[in-house]
């Protein structure tokens, strides 16, 4: 990428860092993972900036990259077991490996930190695409159009996922 293009990227994309960090924290549940997610988002955005269409919504484009990066990371982490080198296995490492958070994703840990265990359990039972839609709408406050751009699905799909997700959430909460 040319120097001009790099400067254009920095000038246009960097003002969204705080917003991306806040959204990343809501997704990951901790600051370190949120920082990593924002860094990965900017790396992917910089690599693909030549595909960005000037005049379109840069903020939504960045959020979509972030959502895709989070979903990819979450899927990868949920499929891999915790790895601990045997040489480094001290009592503290063994306790951490046996902790209730050892093989859980950042999203699961964030849900575990929620104050209402019934809400946490109900959200945990939702499929990932519904949980993401419900969180973006109800926790972050995005509009249907913003969620559609962020997740890369049609607005009608967002509306149905949100409706079905809230309905399932309500049913899980009523059963609890």
C-alpha atoms as a PDB file:
ATOM      1  CA  UNK A   1       0.000   0.000   0.000  1.00  0.00           C
ATOM      2  CA  UNK A   2       1.385   3.381  -0.902  1.00  0.00           C
ATOM      3  CA  UNK A   3       2.237   5.992   1.698  1.00  0.00           C
ATOM      4  CA  UNK A   4      -0.740   8.104   0.603  1.00  0.00           C
ATOM      5  CA  UNK A   5      -3.088   5.168   0.975  1.00  0.00           C
ATOM      6  CA  UNK A   6      -1.668   4.352   4.440  1.00  0.00           C
ATOM      7  CA  UNK A   7      -2.150   7.958   5.537  1.00  0.00           C
ATOM      8  CA  UNK A   8      -5.712   7.950   4.182  1.00  0.00           C
ATOM      9  CA  UNK A   9      -6.441   4.756   6.113  1.00  0.00           C
ATOM     10  CA  UNK A  10      -5.045   6.191   9.355  1.00  0.00           C
ATOM     11  CA  UNK A  11      -6.897   9.487   8.915  1.00  0.00           C
ATOM     12  CA  UNK A  12     -10.240   7.825   8.161  1.00  0.00           C
ATOM     13  CA  UNK A  13     -10.181   4.681  10.332  1.00  0.00           C
ATOM     14  CA  UNK A  14      -8.366   5.671  13.530  1.00  0.00           C
ATOM     15  CA  UNK A  15     -11.105   8.003  14.826  1.00  0.00           C
ATOM     16  CA  UNK A  16     -13.267   4.895  15.352  1.00  0.00           C
ATOM     17  CA  UNK A  17     -10.794   3.235  17.721  1.00  0.00           C
ATOM     18  CA  UNK A  18     -12.672   4.082  20.939  1.00  0.00           C
ATOM     19  CA  UNK A  19     -15.982   2.880  19.516  1.00  0.00           C
ATOM     20  CA  UNK A  20     -14.392  -0.335  18.253  1.00  0.00           C
ATOM     21  CA  UNK A  21     -12.737  -0.880  21.625  1.00  0.00           C
ATOM     22  CA  UNK A  22     -16.050  -0.442  23.474  1.00  0.00           C
ATOM     23  CA  UNK A  23     -17.782  -2.906  21.161  1.00  0.00           C
ATOM     24  CA  UNK A  24     -14.857  -5.342  21.443  1.00  0.00           C
ATOM     25  CA  UNK A  25     -15.047  -5.184  25.228  1.00  0.00           C
ATOM     26  CA  UNK A  26     -18.755  -6.032  25.095  1.00  0.00           C
ATOM     27  CA  UNK A  27     -17.944  -9.025  22.920  1.00  0.00           C
ATOM     28  CA  UNK A  28     -14.900 -10.326  24.792  1.00  0.00           C
ATOM     29  CA  UNK A  29     -15.570  -9.319  28.381  1.00  0.00           C
ATOM     30  CA  UNK A  30     -12.048  -8.157  29.211  1.00  0.00           C
ATOM     31  CA  UNK A  31      -9.731  -5.354  28.184  1.00  0.00           C
ATOM     32  CA  UNK A  32      -6.778  -7.455  27.025  1.00  0.00           C
ATOM     33  CA  UNK A  33      -8.889  -9.515  24.610  1.00  0.00           C
ATOM     34  CA  UNK A  34     -10.693  -6.368  23.485  1.00  0.00           C
ATOM     35  CA  UNK A  35      -7.372  -4.656  22.674  1.00  0.00           C
ATOM     36  CA  UNK A  36      -6.252  -7.739  20.752  1.00  0.00           C
ATOM     37  CA  UNK A  37      -9.516  -7.811  18.820  1.00  0.00           C
ATOM     38  CA  UNK A  38      -9.251  -4.127  17.882  1.00  0.00           C
ATOM     39  CA  UNK A  39      -5.649  -4.626  16.782  1.00  0.00           C
ATOM     40  CA  UNK A  40      -6.692  -7.598  14.644  1.00  0.00           C
ATOM     41  CA  UNK A  41      -9.574  -5.539  13.235  1.00  0.00           C
ATOM     42  CA  UNK A  42      -7.245  -2.735  12.173  1.00  0.00           C
ATOM     43  CA  UNK A  43      -4.734  -5.197  10.698  1.00  0.00           C
ATOM     44  CA  UNK A  44      -7.442  -6.846   8.604  1.00  0.00           C
ATOM     45  CA  UNK A  45      -8.943  -3.487   7.625  1.00  0.00           C
ATOM     46  CA  UNK A  46      -5.564  -2.123   6.581  1.00  0.00           C
ATOM     47  CA  UNK A  47      -4.874  -5.236   4.507  1.00  0.00           C
ATOM     48  CA  UNK A  48      -8.243  -4.931   2.786  1.00  0.00           C
ATOM     49  CA  UNK A  49      -8.506  -1.150   2.583  1.00  0.00           C
ATOM     50  CA  UNK A  50      -8.068  -1.223  -1.182  1.00  0.00           C
ATOM     51  CA  UNK A  51     -11.449  -3.035  -1.360  1.00  0.00           C
ATOM     52  CA  UNK A  52     -13.239  -0.365   0.677  1.00  0.00           C
ATOM     53  CA  UNK A  53     -15.623   1.686  -1.450  1.00  0.00           C
ATOM     54  CA  UNK A  54     -15.154   5.409  -0.686  1.00  0.00           C
ATOM     55  CA  UNK A  55     -18.458   7.072   0.116  1.00  0.00           C
ATOM     56  CA  UNK A  56     -19.838   4.021   1.935  1.00  0.00           C
ATOM     57  CA  UNK A  57     -20.085   3.628   5.703  1.00  0.00           C
ATOM     58  CA  UNK A  58     -16.521   3.110   6.981  1.00  0.00           C
ATOM     59  CA  UNK A  59     -17.717   2.610  10.557  1.00  0.00           C
ATOM     60  CA  UNK A  60     -20.014  -0.251   9.561  1.00  0.00           C
ATOM     61  CA  UNK A  61     -17.235  -1.759   7.421  1.00  0.00           C
ATOM     62  CA  UNK A  62     -14.884  -1.730  10.428  1.00  0.00           C
ATOM     63  CA  UNK A  63     -17.537  -3.204  12.732  1.00  0.00           C
ATOM     64  CA  UNK A  64     -18.196  -5.973  10.233  1.00  0.00           C
ATOM     65  CA  UNK A  65     -14.504  -6.813  10.111  1.00  0.00           C
ATOM     66  CA  UNK A  66     -14.450  -6.821  13.917  1.00  0.00           C
ATOM     67  CA  UNK A  67     -17.502  -9.082  14.171  1.00  0.00           C
ATOM     68  CA  UNK A  68     -15.989 -11.497  11.657  1.00  0.00           C
ATOM     69  CA  UNK A  69     -12.660 -11.500  13.510  1.00  0.00           C
ATOM     70  CA  UNK A  70     -14.424 -12.177  16.819  1.00  0.00           C
ATOM     71  CA  UNK A  71     -16.542 -14.988  15.362  1.00  0.00           C
ATOM     72  CA  UNK A  72     -13.486 -16.592  13.772  1.00  0.00           C
ATOM     73  CA  UNK A  73     -11.527 -16.353  17.014  1.00  0.00           C
ATOM     74  CA  UNK A  74     -14.445 -17.665  19.088  1.00  0.00           C
ATOM     75  CA  UNK A  75     -14.952 -20.658  16.778  1.00  0.00           C
ATOM     76  CA  UNK A  76     -11.242 -21.429  16.803  1.00  0.00           C
ATOM     77  CA  UNK A  77     -10.961 -21.188  20.585  1.00  0.00           C
ATOM     78  CA  UNK A  78     -14.072 -23.249  21.228  1.00  0.00           C
ATOM     79  CA  UNK A  79     -12.678 -26.104  19.109  1.00  0.00           C
ATOM     80  CA  UNK A  80      -9.203 -26.188  20.621  1.00  0.00           C
ATOM     81  CA  UNK A  81      -8.436 -27.714  24.000  1.00  0.00           C
ATOM     82  CA  UNK A  82      -6.398 -25.796  26.537  1.00  0.00           C
ATOM     83  CA  UNK A  83      -2.700 -26.297  25.830  1.00  0.00           C
ATOM     84  CA  UNK A  84      -0.209 -26.357  28.686  1.00  0.00           C
ATOM     85  CA  UNK A  85       3.392 -27.469  28.096  1.00  0.00           C
ATOM     86  CA  UNK A  86       4.301 -30.248  30.518  1.00  0.00           C
ATOM     87  CA  UNK A  87       7.634 -28.609  31.365  1.00  0.00           C
ATOM     88  CA  UNK A  88       5.813 -25.467  32.528  1.00  0.00           C
ATOM     89  CA  UNK A  89       3.207 -27.288  34.607  1.00  0.00           C
ATOM     90  CA  UNK A  90       3.554 -25.766  38.058  1.00  0.00           C
ATOM     91  CA  UNK A  91       0.855 -26.018  40.753  1.00  0.00           C
ATOM     92  CA  UNK A  92      -0.489 -22.591  39.736  1.00  0.00           C
ATOM     93  CA  UNK A  93      -0.695 -23.648  36.088  1.00  0.00           C
ATOM     94  CA  UNK A  94      -2.411 -26.899  37.058  1.00  0.00           C
ATOM     95  CA  UNK A  95      -4.974 -24.974  39.130  1.00  0.00           C
ATOM     96  CA  UNK A  96      -5.607 -22.603  36.214  1.00  0.00           C
ATOM     97  CA  UNK A  97      -5.972 -25.516  33.797  1.00  0.00           C
ATOM     98  CA  UNK A  98      -8.523 -27.123  36.091  1.00  0.00           C
ATOM     99  CA  UNK A  99     -10.432 -23.902  36.737  1.00  0.00           C
ATOM    100  CA  UNK A 100     -13.961 -23.492  35.497  1.00  0.00           C
ATOM    101  CA  UNK A 101     -12.771 -20.888  32.947  1.00  0.00           C
ATOM    102  CA  UNK A 102      -9.913 -22.913  31.430  1.00  0.00           C
ATOM    103  CA  UNK A 103     -11.602 -24.127  28.235  1.00  0.00           C
ATOM    104  CA  UNK A 104     -14.208 -21.390  27.898  1.00  0.00           C
ATOM    105  CA  UNK A 105     -14.259 -18.647  25.322  1.00  0.00           C
ATOM    106  CA  UNK A 106     -13.921 -14.984  26.213  1.00  0.00           C
ATOM    107  CA  UNK A 107     -17.639 -14.575  25.551  1.00  0.00           C
ATOM    108  CA  UNK A 108     -18.433 -17.365  28.042  1.00  0.00           C
ATOM    109  CA  UNK A 109     -16.238 -15.722  30.671  1.00  0.00           C
ATOM    110  CA  UNK A 110     -17.976 -12.370  30.027  1.00  0.00           C
ATOM    111  CA  UNK A 111     -21.375 -14.012  30.417  1.00  0.00           C
ATOM    112  CA  UNK A 112     -20.176 -15.627  33.641  1.00  0.00           C
ATOM    113  CA  UNK A 113     -19.439 -12.139  34.985  1.00  0.00           C
ATOM    114  CA  UNK A 114     -22.990 -10.919  34.469  1.00  0.00           C
ATOM    115  CA  UNK A 115     -24.909 -10.157  37.638  1.00  0.00           C
ATOM    116  CA  UNK A 116     -28.029 -12.208  36.874  1.00  0.00           C
ATOM    117  CA  UNK A 117     -27.229 -15.925  36.534  1.00  0.00           C
ATOM    118  CA  UNK A 118     -30.590 -16.597  34.869  1.00  0.00           C
ATOM    119  CA  UNK A 119     -29.868 -14.023  32.143  1.00  0.00           C
ATOM    120  CA  UNK A 120     -26.351 -15.364  31.703  1.00  0.00           C
ATOM    121  CA  UNK A 121     -27.659 -18.919  31.316  1.00  0.00           C
ATOM    122  CA  UNK A 122     -30.404 -17.836  28.922  1.00  0.00           C
ATOM    123  CA  UNK A 123     -27.952 -15.897  26.713  1.00  0.00           C
ATOM    124  CA  UNK A 124     -25.548 -18.827  26.798  1.00  0.00           C
ATOM    125  CA  UNK A 125     -28.279 -21.099  25.400  1.00  0.00           C
ATOM    126  CA  UNK A 126     -28.866 -18.922  22.334  1.00  0.00           C
ATOM    127  CA  UNK A 127     -27.107 -19.886  19.100  1.00  0.00           C
ATOM    128  CA  UNK A 128     -24.106 -17.654  18.364  1.00  0.00           C
ATOM    129  CA  UNK A 129     -25.724 -15.710  15.520  1.00  0.00           C
ATOM    130  CA  UNK A 130     -28.787 -14.904  17.658  1.00  0.00           C
ATOM    131  CA  UNK A 131     -26.687 -14.004  20.696  1.00  0.00           C
ATOM    132  CA  UNK A 132     -24.591 -11.609  18.591  1.00  0.00           C
ATOM    133  CA  UNK A 133     -27.702  -9.970  17.111  1.00  0.00           C
ATOM    134  CA  UNK A 134     -29.425  -9.601  20.485  1.00  0.00           C
ATOM    135  CA  UNK A 135     -26.266  -8.164  22.088  1.00  0.00           C
ATOM    136  CA  UNK A 136     -25.688  -5.682  19.258  1.00  0.00           C
ATOM    137  CA  UNK A 137     -29.310  -4.518  19.431  1.00  0.00           C
ATOM    138  CA  UNK A 138     -29.979  -4.533  23.157  1.00  0.00           C
ATOM    139  CA  UNK A 139     -26.562  -4.008  24.750  1.00  0.00           C
ATOM    140  CA  UNK A 140     -24.855  -1.822  22.154  1.00  0.00           C
ATOM    141  CA  UNK A 141     -27.999  -0.136  20.806  1.00  0.00           C
ATOM    142  CA  UNK A 142     -27.419  -0.644  17.088  1.00  0.00           C
ATOM    143  CA  UNK A 143     -30.220  -0.142  14.585  1.00  0.00           C
ATOM    144  CA  UNK A 144     -31.342  -2.963  12.283  1.00  0.00           C
ATOM    145  CA  UNK A 145     -29.378  -1.407   9.424  1.00  0.00           C
ATOM    146  CA  UNK A 146     -26.187  -1.146  11.496  1.00  0.00           C
ATOM    147  CA  UNK A 147     -26.506  -4.761  12.627  1.00  0.00           C
ATOM    148  CA  UNK A 148     -27.099  -5.855   9.034  1.00  0.00           C
ATOM    149  CA  UNK A 149     -23.958  -4.051   7.860  1.00  0.00           C
ATOM    150  CA  UNK A 150     -21.927  -5.306  10.814  1.00  0.00           C
ATOM    151  CA  UNK A 151     -22.914  -8.964  10.490  1.00  0.00           C
ATOM    152  CA  UNK A 152     -23.198  -9.015   6.707  1.00  0.00           C
ATOM    153  CA  UNK A 153     -26.744 -10.350   6.557  1.00  0.00           C
ATOM    154  CA  UNK A 154     -29.903  -8.762   5.096  1.00  0.00           C
ATOM    155  CA  UNK A 155     -31.972  -6.507   7.337  1.00  0.00           C
ATOM    156  CA  UNK A 156     -34.871  -8.991   7.245  1.00  0.00           C
ATOM    157  CA  UNK A 157     -32.571 -11.672   8.621  1.00  0.00           C
ATOM    158  CA  UNK A 158     -31.488  -9.318  11.405  1.00  0.00           C
ATOM    159  CA  UNK A 159     -35.125  -8.624  12.280  1.00  0.00           C
ATOM    160  CA  UNK A 160     -36.031 -12.311  12.365  1.00  0.00           C
ATOM    161  CA  UNK A 161     -32.911 -13.270  14.344  1.00  0.00           C
ATOM    162  CA  UNK A 162     -33.622 -10.525  16.845  1.00  0.00           C
ATOM    163  CA  UNK A 163     -37.272 -11.531  17.175  1.00  0.00           C
ATOM    164  CA  UNK A 164     -36.476 -15.241  17.525  1.00  0.00           C
ATOM    165  CA  UNK A 165     -33.516 -14.538  19.832  1.00  0.00           C
ATOM    166  CA  UNK A 166     -35.586 -12.378  22.171  1.00  0.00           C
ATOM    167  CA  UNK A 167     -38.401 -14.934  22.092  1.00  0.00           C
ATOM    168  CA  UNK A 168     -36.004 -17.760  23.023  1.00  0.00           C
ATOM    169  CA  UNK A 169     -34.387 -15.578  25.659  1.00  0.00           C
ATOM    170  CA  UNK A 170     -37.803 -14.809  27.169  1.00  0.00           C
ATOM    171  CA  UNK A 171     -38.730 -18.513  27.143  1.00  0.00           C
ATOM    172  CA  UNK A 172     -35.457 -19.488  28.837  1.00  0.00           C
ATOM    173  CA  UNK A 173     -35.947 -16.776  31.471  1.00  0.00           C
ATOM    174  CA  UNK A 174     -39.553 -17.795  32.145  1.00  0.00           C
ATOM    175  CA  UNK A 175     -38.491 -21.442  32.546  1.00  0.00           C
ATOM    176  CA  UNK A 176     -35.737 -20.506  35.012  1.00  0.00           C
END
